[in-house]
PDB file of N, CA and C in Angstrom:
ATOM      1  N   MET A   1     151.383  67.114 203.496  1.00  0.00           N
ATOM      2  CA  MET A   1     151.442  67.483 202.270  1.00  0.00           C
ATOM      3  C   MET A   1     150.428  66.435 201.434  1.00  0.00           C
ATOM      4  N   TYR A   2     150.054  66.923 200.446  1.00  0.00           N
ATOM      5  CA  TYR A   2     149.229  66.019 199.428  1.00  0.00           C
ATOM      6  C   TYR A   2     149.775  66.175 198.012  1.00  0.00           C
ATOM      7  N   ASN A   3     150.468  64.714 197.323  1.00  0.00           N
ATOM      8  CA  ASN A   3     150.688  65.030 196.128  1.00  0.00           C
ATOM      9  C   ASN A   3     150.162  64.099 195.218  1.00  0.00           C
ATOM     10  N   VAL A   4     150.105  64.882 193.981  1.00  0.00           N
ATOM     11  CA  VAL A   4     149.443  64.556 192.742  1.00  0.00           C
ATOM     12  C   VAL A   4     150.435  64.241 191.654  1.00  0.00           C
ATOM     13  N   ARG A   5     150.565  62.917 191.053  1.00  0.00           N
ATOM     14  CA  ARG A   5     151.168  62.694 189.882  1.00  0.00           C
ATOM     15  C   ARG A   5     150.186  62.689 188.434  1.00  0.00           C
ATOM     16  N   VAL A   6     150.721  63.287 187.641  1.00  0.00           N
ATOM     17  CA  VAL A   6     149.855  63.112 186.268  1.00  0.00           C
ATOM     18  C   VAL A   6     150.930  62.881 185.570  1.00  0.00           C
ATOM     19  N   ASP A   7     150.609  61.828 184.618  1.00  0.00           N
ATOM     20  CA  ASP A   7     151.281  61.125 183.267  1.00  0.00           C
ATOM     21  C   ASP A   7     150.591  62.191 182.095  1.00  0.00           C
ATOM     22  N   ASP A   8     151.496  63.001 181.851  1.00  0.00           N
ATOM     23  CA  ASP A   8     151.091  64.183 180.639  1.00  0.00           C
ATOM     24  C   ASP A   8     152.008  63.732 179.221  1.00  0.00           C
ATOM     25  N   GLN A   9     150.808  63.562 178.152  1.00  0.00           N
ATOM     26  CA  GLN A   9     151.469  63.432 176.998  1.00  0.00           C
ATOM     27  C   GLN A   9     151.921  64.609 175.737  1.00  0.00           C
ATOM     28  N   VAL A  10     153.153  64.871 175.692  1.00  0.00           N
ATOM     29  CA  VAL A  10     153.595  66.142 175.010  1.00  0.00           C
ATOM     30  C   VAL A  10     153.390  65.689 173.420  1.00  0.00           C
ATOM     31  N   ARG A  11     153.340  66.484 172.692  1.00  0.00           N
ATOM     32  CA  ARG A  11     152.970  66.022 171.301  1.00  0.00           C
ATOM     33  C   ARG A  11     154.398  65.404 170.778  1.00  0.00           C
ATOM     34  N   ARG A  12     154.001  64.387 170.244  1.00  0.00           N
ATOM     35  CA  ARG A  12     155.303  63.813 169.495  1.00  0.00           C
ATOM     36  C   ARG A  12     156.343  64.587 168.648  1.00  0.00           C
ATOM     37  N   SER A  13     155.325  65.373 167.865  1.00  0.00           N
ATOM     38  CA  SER A  13     156.190  66.215 166.905  1.00  0.00           C
ATOM     39  C   SER A  13     157.185  67.384 167.654  1.00  0.00           C
ATOM     40  N   TRP A  14     156.716  67.657 168.791  1.00  0.00           N
ATOM     41  CA  TRP A  14     157.874  68.809 169.661  1.00  0.00           C
ATOM     42  C   TRP A  14     159.112  68.352 169.641  1.00  0.00           C
ATOM     43  N   SER A  15     159.807  69.275 169.158  1.00  0.00           N
ATOM     44  CA  SER A  15     161.362  69.464 169.462  1.00  0.00           C
ATOM     45  C   SER A  15     161.411  69.411 170.815  1.00  0.00           C
ATOM     46  N   GLY A  16     163.062  69.314 171.041  1.00  0.00           N
ATOM     47  CA  GLY A  16     163.562  69.839 172.565  1.00  0.00           C
ATOM     48  C   GLY A  16     163.077  71.258 172.736  1.00  0.00           C
ATOM     49  N   ARG A  17     163.083  72.164 172.097  1.00  0.00           N
ATOM     50  CA  ARG A  17     162.422  73.453 172.312  1.00  0.00           C
ATOM     51  C   ARG A  17     160.991  73.338 172.834  1.00  0.00           C
ATOM     52  N   GLY A  18     159.915  72.696 172.299  1.00  0.00           N
ATOM     53  CA  GLY A  18     158.509  72.493 172.505  1.00  0.00           C
ATOM     54  C   GLY A  18     158.809  71.697 173.891  1.00  0.00           C
ATOM     55  N   ARG A  19     159.354  71.129 174.434  1.00  0.00           N
ATOM     56  CA  ARG A  19     159.825  69.914 175.417  1.00  0.00           C
ATOM     57  C   ARG A  19     160.076  71.001 176.248  1.00  0.00           C
ATOM     58  N   GLU A  20     161.104  72.124 176.531  1.00  0.00           N
ATOM     59  CA  GLU A  20     161.353  73.033 177.368  1.00  0.00           C
ATOM     60  C   GLU A  20     160.122  73.938 177.606  1.00  0.00           C
ATOM     61  N   ARG A  21     159.526  74.277 176.392  1.00  0.00           N
ATOM     62  CA  ARG A  21     158.038  75.166 176.863  1.00  0.00           C
ATOM     63  C   ARG A  21     157.519  74.531 177.709  1.00  0.00           C
ATOM     64  N   TRP A  22     157.302  73.179 177.619  1.00  0.00           N
ATOM     65  CA  TRP A  22     156.277  72.338 178.366  1.00  0.00           C
ATOM     66  C   TRP A  22     156.728  72.502 179.780  1.00  0.00           C
ATOM     67  N   ARG A  23     158.201  72.488 180.288  1.00  0.00           N
ATOM     68  CA  ARG A  23     159.069  72.412 181.481  1.00  0.00           C
ATOM     69  C   ARG A  23     158.861  73.953 182.111  1.00  0.00           C
ATOM     70  N   THR A  24     158.859  74.769 181.450  1.00  0.00           N
ATOM     71  CA  THR A  24     158.714  76.439 181.625  1.00  0.00           C
ATOM     72  C   THR A  24     157.587  77.085 181.749  1.00  0.00           C
ATOM     73  N   SER A  25     157.125  77.690 180.654  1.00  0.00           N
ATOM     74  CA  SER A  25     156.012  78.556 180.397  1.00  0.00           C
ATOM     75  C   SER A  25     154.710  77.849 180.514  1.00  0.00           C
ATOM     76  N   HIS A  26     154.446  76.609 180.653  1.00  0.00           N
ATOM     77  CA  HIS A  26     153.616  75.610 180.748  1.00  0.00           C
ATOM     78  C   HIS A  26     153.465  75.600 182.267  1.00  0.00           C
ATOM     79  N   ALA A  27     154.444  75.313 183.026  1.00  0.00           N
ATOM     80  CA  ALA A  27     154.595  75.048 184.245  1.00  0.00           C
ATOM     81  C   ALA A  27     154.446  76.220 185.007  1.00  0.00           C
ATOM     82  N   GLU A  28     154.895  77.366 184.542  1.00  0.00           N
ATOM     83  CA  GLU A  28     154.524  78.619 185.125  1.00  0.00           C
ATOM     84  C   GLU A  28     153.202  78.860 185.428  1.00  0.00           C
ATOM     85  N   LEU A  29     152.136  78.875 184.198  1.00  0.00           N
ATOM     86  CA  LEU A  29     150.610  78.496 184.280  1.00  0.00           C
ATOM     87  C   LEU A  29     150.478  78.126 185.169  1.00  0.00           C
ATOM     88  N   ALA A  30     150.738  76.943 185.540  1.00  0.00           N
ATOM     89  CA  ALA A  30     150.485  75.459 186.515  1.00  0.00           C
ATOM     90  C   ALA A  30     150.440  76.399 188.045  1.00  0.00           C
ATOM     91  N   LEU A  31     151.408  76.880 187.981  1.00  0.00           N
ATOM     92  CA  LEU A  31     151.733  77.582 189.170  1.00  0.00           C
ATOM     93  C   LEU A  31     150.757  78.747 189.662  1.00  0.00           C
ATOM     94  N   LYS A  32     149.891  79.540 188.759  1.00  0.00           N
ATOM     95  CA  LYS A  32     149.007  80.378 188.895  1.00  0.00           C
ATOM     96  C   LYS A  32     147.806  79.645 189.299  1.00  0.00           C
ATOM     97  N   ILE A  33     147.791  78.170 189.722  1.00  0.00           N
ATOM     98  CA  ILE A  33     146.489  77.800 189.639  1.00  0.00           C
ATOM     99  C   ILE A  33     146.424  77.797 191.382  1.00  0.00           C
ATOM    100  N   PRO A  34     145.053  78.394 192.269  1.00  0.00           N
ATOM    101  CA  PRO A  34     145.540  78.621 193.442  1.00  0.00           C
ATOM    102  C   PRO A  34     145.780  77.202 194.421  1.00  0.00           C
ATOM    103  N   GLY A  35     146.690  77.143 195.327  1.00  0.00           N
ATOM    104  CA  GLY A  35     146.607  75.981 196.223  1.00  0.00           C
ATOM    105  C   GLY A  35     147.948  75.312 195.669  1.00  0.00           C
ATOM    106  N   ILE A  36     148.599  75.721 194.396  1.00  0.00           N
ATOM    107  CA  ILE A  36     149.875  74.704 194.251  1.00  0.00           C
ATOM    108  C   ILE A  36     151.274  75.613 194.402  1.00  0.00           C
ATOM    109  N   PRO A  37     151.636  75.386 195.344  1.00  0.00           N
ATOM    110  CA  PRO A  37     152.784  75.829 196.414  1.00  0.00           C
ATOM    111  C   PRO A  37     154.422  75.656 195.283  1.00  0.00           C
ATOM    112  N   ALA A  38     154.043  73.982 194.849  1.00  0.00           N
ATOM    113  CA  ALA A  38     155.036  73.803 193.975  1.00  0.00           C
ATOM    114  C   ALA A  38     154.835  72.554 193.002  1.00  0.00           C
ATOM    115  N   LEU A  39     155.769  72.220 192.068  1.00  0.00           N
ATOM    116  CA  LEU A  39     155.617  71.366 190.798  1.00  0.00           C
ATOM    117  C   LEU A  39     156.865  71.052 190.660  1.00  0.00           C
ATOM    118  N   ARG A  40     156.787  69.890 190.041  1.00  0.00           N
ATOM    119  CA  ARG A  40     158.118  69.205 189.356  1.00  0.00           C
ATOM    120  C   ARG A  40     157.530  68.554 188.077  1.00  0.00           C
ATOM    121  N   THR A  41     158.212  68.702 186.756  1.00  0.00           N
ATOM    122  CA  THR A  41     157.892  68.237 185.453  1.00  0.00           C
ATOM    123  C   THR A  41     158.931  67.506 185.337  1.00  0.00           C
ATOM    124  N   GLU A  42     158.557  65.998 184.803  1.00  0.00           N
ATOM    125  CA  GLU A  42     159.881  65.281 184.520  1.00  0.00           C
ATOM    126  C   GLU A  42     159.769  64.581 183.196  1.00  0.00           C
ATOM    127  N   PRO A  43     160.483  65.193 182.087  1.00  0.00           N
ATOM    128  CA  PRO A  43     159.928  64.467 180.828  1.00  0.00           C
ATOM    129  C   PRO A  43     160.806  62.986 180.859  1.00  0.00           C
ATOM    130  N   LEU A  44     160.096  62.339 180.081  1.00  0.00           N
ATOM    131  CA  LEU A  44     160.822  61.000 179.854  1.00  0.00           C
ATOM    132  C   LEU A  44     161.627  60.525 178.558  1.00  0.00           C
ATOM    133  N   GLY A  45     162.678  59.831 178.444  1.00  0.00           N
ATOM    134  CA  GLY A  45     162.980  59.574 177.472  1.00  0.00           C
ATOM    135  C   GLY A  45     162.335  58.646 176.642  1.00  0.00           C
ATOM    136  N   GLY A  46     163.265  58.223 175.536  1.00  0.00           N
ATOM    137  CA  GLY A  46     162.397  56.770 174.995  1.00  0.00           C
ATOM    138  C   GLY A  46     161.932  55.488 175.876  1.00  0.00           C
ATOM    139  N   GLY A  47     161.012  54.874 175.932  1.00  0.00           N
ATOM    140  CA  GLY A  47     160.409  53.600 176.559  1.00  0.00           C
ATOM    141  C   GLY A  47     161.360  52.729 176.270  1.00  0.00           C
ATOM    142  N   PRO A  48     161.632  51.661 176.752  1.00  0.00           N
ATOM    143  CA  PRO A  48     162.194  50.056 176.674  1.00  0.00           C
ATOM    144  C   PRO A  48     161.459  49.995 175.037  1.00  0.00           C
ATOM    145  N   LEU A  49     162.640  48.847 174.265  1.00  0.00           N
ATOM    146  CA  LEU A  49     162.110  48.148 172.777  1.00  0.00           C
ATOM    147  C   LEU A  49     160.518  47.414 173.218  1.00  0.00           C
ATOM    148  N   GLY A  50     159.820  48.359 172.452  1.00  0.00           N
ATOM    149  CA  GLY A  50     158.672  47.254 172.550  1.00  0.00           C
ATOM    150  C   GLY A  50     157.823  48.294 173.489  1.00  0.00           C
ATOM    151  N   SER A  51     158.354  49.120 173.999  1.00  0.00           N
ATOM    152  CA  SER A  51     157.251  49.399 175.153  1.00  0.00           C
ATOM    153  C   SER A  51     156.060  50.237 174.455  1.00  0.00           C
ATOM    154  N   GLU A  52     154.733  50.515 175.094  1.00  0.00           N
ATOM    155  CA  GLU A  52     153.746  51.413 174.680  1.00  0.00           C
ATOM    156  C   GLU A  52     153.486  52.256 175.393  1.00  0.00           C
ATOM    157  N   ARG A  53     154.406  52.914 176.055  1.00  0.00           N
ATOM    158  CA  ARG A  53     153.944  53.999 177.214  1.00  0.00           C
ATOM    159  C   ARG A  53     153.009  54.907 176.517  1.00  0.00           C
ATOM    160  N   THR A  54     151.858  55.696 176.760  1.00  0.00           N
ATOM    161  CA  THR A  54     151.196  56.412 176.433  1.00  0.00           C
ATOM    162  C   THR A  54     151.495  58.175 176.702  1.00  0.00           C
ATOM    163  N   TYR A  55     152.426  58.226 177.588  1.00  0.00           N
ATOM    164  CA  TYR A  55     152.380  59.394 177.950  1.00  0.00           C
ATOM    165  C   TYR A  55     154.086  59.984 178.126  1.00  0.00           C
ATOM    166  N   ASP A  56     154.685  61.080 177.814  1.00  0.00           N
ATOM    167  CA  ASP A  56     156.194  61.568 177.847  1.00  0.00           C
ATOM    168  C   ASP A  56     156.706  62.045 178.974  1.00  0.00           C
ATOM    169  N   GLY A  57     156.017  62.111 179.638  1.00  0.00           N
ATOM    170  CA  GLY A  57     156.505  62.756 181.052  1.00  0.00           C
ATOM    171  C   GLY A  57     155.265  62.901 182.076  1.00  0.00           C
ATOM    172  N   THR A  58     155.913  63.012 183.494  1.00  0.00           N
ATOM    173  CA  THR A  58     154.874  63.494 184.376  1.00  0.00           C
ATOM    174  C   THR A  58     155.376  64.503 185.082  1.00  0.00           C
ATOM    175  N   VAL A  59     154.153  64.918 186.059  1.00  0.00           N
ATOM    176  CA  VAL A  59     154.064  66.103 186.737  1.00  0.00           C
ATOM    177  C   VAL A  59     153.668  66.161 187.749  1.00  0.00           C
ATOM    178  N   ASP A  60     154.730  66.225 188.733  1.00  0.00           N
ATOM    179  CA  ASP A  60     154.031  66.165 190.223  1.00  0.00           C
ATOM    180  C   ASP A  60     153.851  67.545 190.710  1.00  0.00           C
ATOM    181  N   CYS A  61     152.653  67.511 191.696  1.00  0.00           N
ATOM    182  CA  CYS A  61     152.036  68.910 192.177  1.00  0.00           C
ATOM    183  C   CYS A  61     151.670  68.699 193.687  1.00  0.00           C
ATOM    184  N   TRP A  62     152.060  69.295 194.458  1.00  0.00           N
ATOM    185  CA  TRP A  62     152.005  69.381 196.106  1.00  0.00           C
ATOM    186  C   TRP A  62     150.987  70.520 196.390  1.00  0.00           C
ATOM    187  N   PHE A  63     150.189  69.939 197.489  1.00  0.00           N
ATOM    188  CA  PHE A  63     149.010  70.786 197.632  1.00  0.00           C
ATOM    189  C   PHE A  63     149.570  70.550 199.590  1.00  0.00           C
ATOM    190  N   ASP A  64     148.549  71.509 200.180  1.00  0.00           N
ATOM    191  CA  ASP A  64     148.661  71.526 201.416  1.00  0.00           C
ATOM    192  C   ASP A  64     147.810  70.324 201.915  1.00  0.00           C
ATOM    193  N   ASP A  65     146.841  69.953 201.518  1.00  0.00           N
ATOM    194  CA  ASP A  65     145.913  68.821 201.529  1.00  0.00           C
ATOM    195  C   ASP A  65     144.834  68.516 200.576  1.00  0.00           C
ATOM    196  N   ARG A  66     144.262  67.442 200.623  1.00  0.00           N
ATOM    197  CA  ARG A  66     143.147  67.093 199.705  1.00  0.00           C
ATOM    198  C   ARG A  66     142.448  68.060 199.402  1.00  0.00           C
ATOM    199  N   ALA A  67     141.671  69.017 200.357  1.00  0.00           N
ATOM    200  CA  ALA A  67     140.743  69.761 200.217  1.00  0.00           C
ATOM    201  C   ALA A  67     141.417  70.763 199.190  1.00  0.00           C
ATOM    202  N   SER A  68     142.383  71.189 199.519  1.00  0.00           N
ATOM    203  CA  SER A  68     143.444  72.201 198.604  1.00  0.00           C
ATOM    204  C   SER A  68     143.724  71.675 197.316  1.00  0.00           C
ATOM    205  N   PHE A  69     143.751  70.505 196.807  1.00  0.00           N
ATOM    206  CA  PHE A  69     143.828  70.061 196.055  1.00  0.00           C
ATOM    207  C   PHE A  69     142.406  69.956 195.019  1.00  0.00           C
ATOM    208  N   GLU A  70     141.130  69.475 195.813  1.00  0.00           N
ATOM    209  CA  GLU A  70     139.831  69.808 195.153  1.00  0.00           C
ATOM    210  C   GLU A  70     139.573  71.206 195.012  1.00  0.00           C
ATOM    211  N   ALA A  71     140.154  72.180 195.454  1.00  0.00           N
ATOM    212  CA  ALA A  71     139.512  73.585 195.193  1.00  0.00           C
ATOM    213  C   ALA A  71     140.421  74.443 194.283  1.00  0.00           C
ATOM    214  N   ALA A  72     141.565  73.600 193.860  1.00  0.00           N
ATOM    215  CA  ALA A  72     142.376  73.731 193.158  1.00  0.00           C
ATOM    216  C   ALA A  72     141.610  73.765 191.706  1.00  0.00           C
ATOM    217  N   TRP A  73     141.507  72.725 191.555  1.00  0.00           N
ATOM    218  CA  TRP A  73     140.818  72.172 190.046  1.00  0.00           C
ATOM    219  C   TRP A  73     139.407  72.570 189.779  1.00  0.00           C
ATOM    220  N   GLN A  74     139.014  73.306 190.773  1.00  0.00           N
ATOM    221  CA  GLN A  74     137.750  73.802 190.800  1.00  0.00           C
ATOM    222  C   GLN A  74     137.385  75.406 190.505  1.00  0.00           C
ATOM    223  N   SER A  75     139.136  75.969 190.649  1.00  0.00           N
ATOM    224  CA  SER A  75     138.851  77.222 190.561  1.00  0.00           C
ATOM    225  C   SER A  75     139.098  77.532 188.872  1.00  0.00           C
ATOM    226  N   PRO A  76     138.899  78.891 188.404  1.00  0.00           N
ATOM    227  CA  PRO A  76     138.627  79.011 187.069  1.00  0.00           C
ATOM    228  C   PRO A  76     140.260  78.887 186.183  1.00  0.00           C
ATOM    229  N   SER A  77     141.071  78.944 187.133  1.00  0.00           N
ATOM    230  CA  SER A  77     142.494  78.845 186.204  1.00  0.00           C
ATOM    231  C   SER A  77     142.812  77.106 186.181  1.00  0.00           C
ATOM    232  N   GLY A  78     142.198  76.252 187.170  1.00  0.00           N
ATOM    233  CA  GLY A  78     142.312  74.824 187.474  1.00  0.00           C
ATOM    234  C   GLY A  78     141.631  74.322 186.231  1.00  0.00           C
ATOM    235  N   ARG A  79     140.712  74.884 185.835  1.00  0.00           N
ATOM    236  CA  ARG A  79     139.903  74.378 184.591  1.00  0.00           C
ATOM    237  C   ARG A  79     140.284  74.504 183.437  1.00  0.00           C
ATOM    238  N   HIS A  80     141.112  75.523 183.158  1.00  0.00           N
ATOM    239  CA  HIS A  80     141.747  75.645 181.627  1.00  0.00           C
ATOM    240  C   HIS A  80     142.769  74.899 181.527  1.00  0.00           C
TER     241      HIS A  80
END
C-alpha cells in the first residue's frame, strides 16, 4: 500500500455543517478518482494557543502503489 496525507484547508467560515459536507460529499467525489480504494478525513480542532497552523484537517488516501497514485492524479477526476 502507498499512503498519501494531504493537509487540507477548509473555509474558516464553514459551520459544522460545512465540515460535515467536507467529510461526506467531498470524500465521495475523491473516491471516484481511479485507484483510491479508501480514504480517511480527519478534521482538526483549534490549534494550541499561539498556533499558526494553516490547515483544518487531513486527508489520507491509500493506493496500491506509487504508480497507481501518479495515474490517479493524471485522470480527469484527479485533475478537478
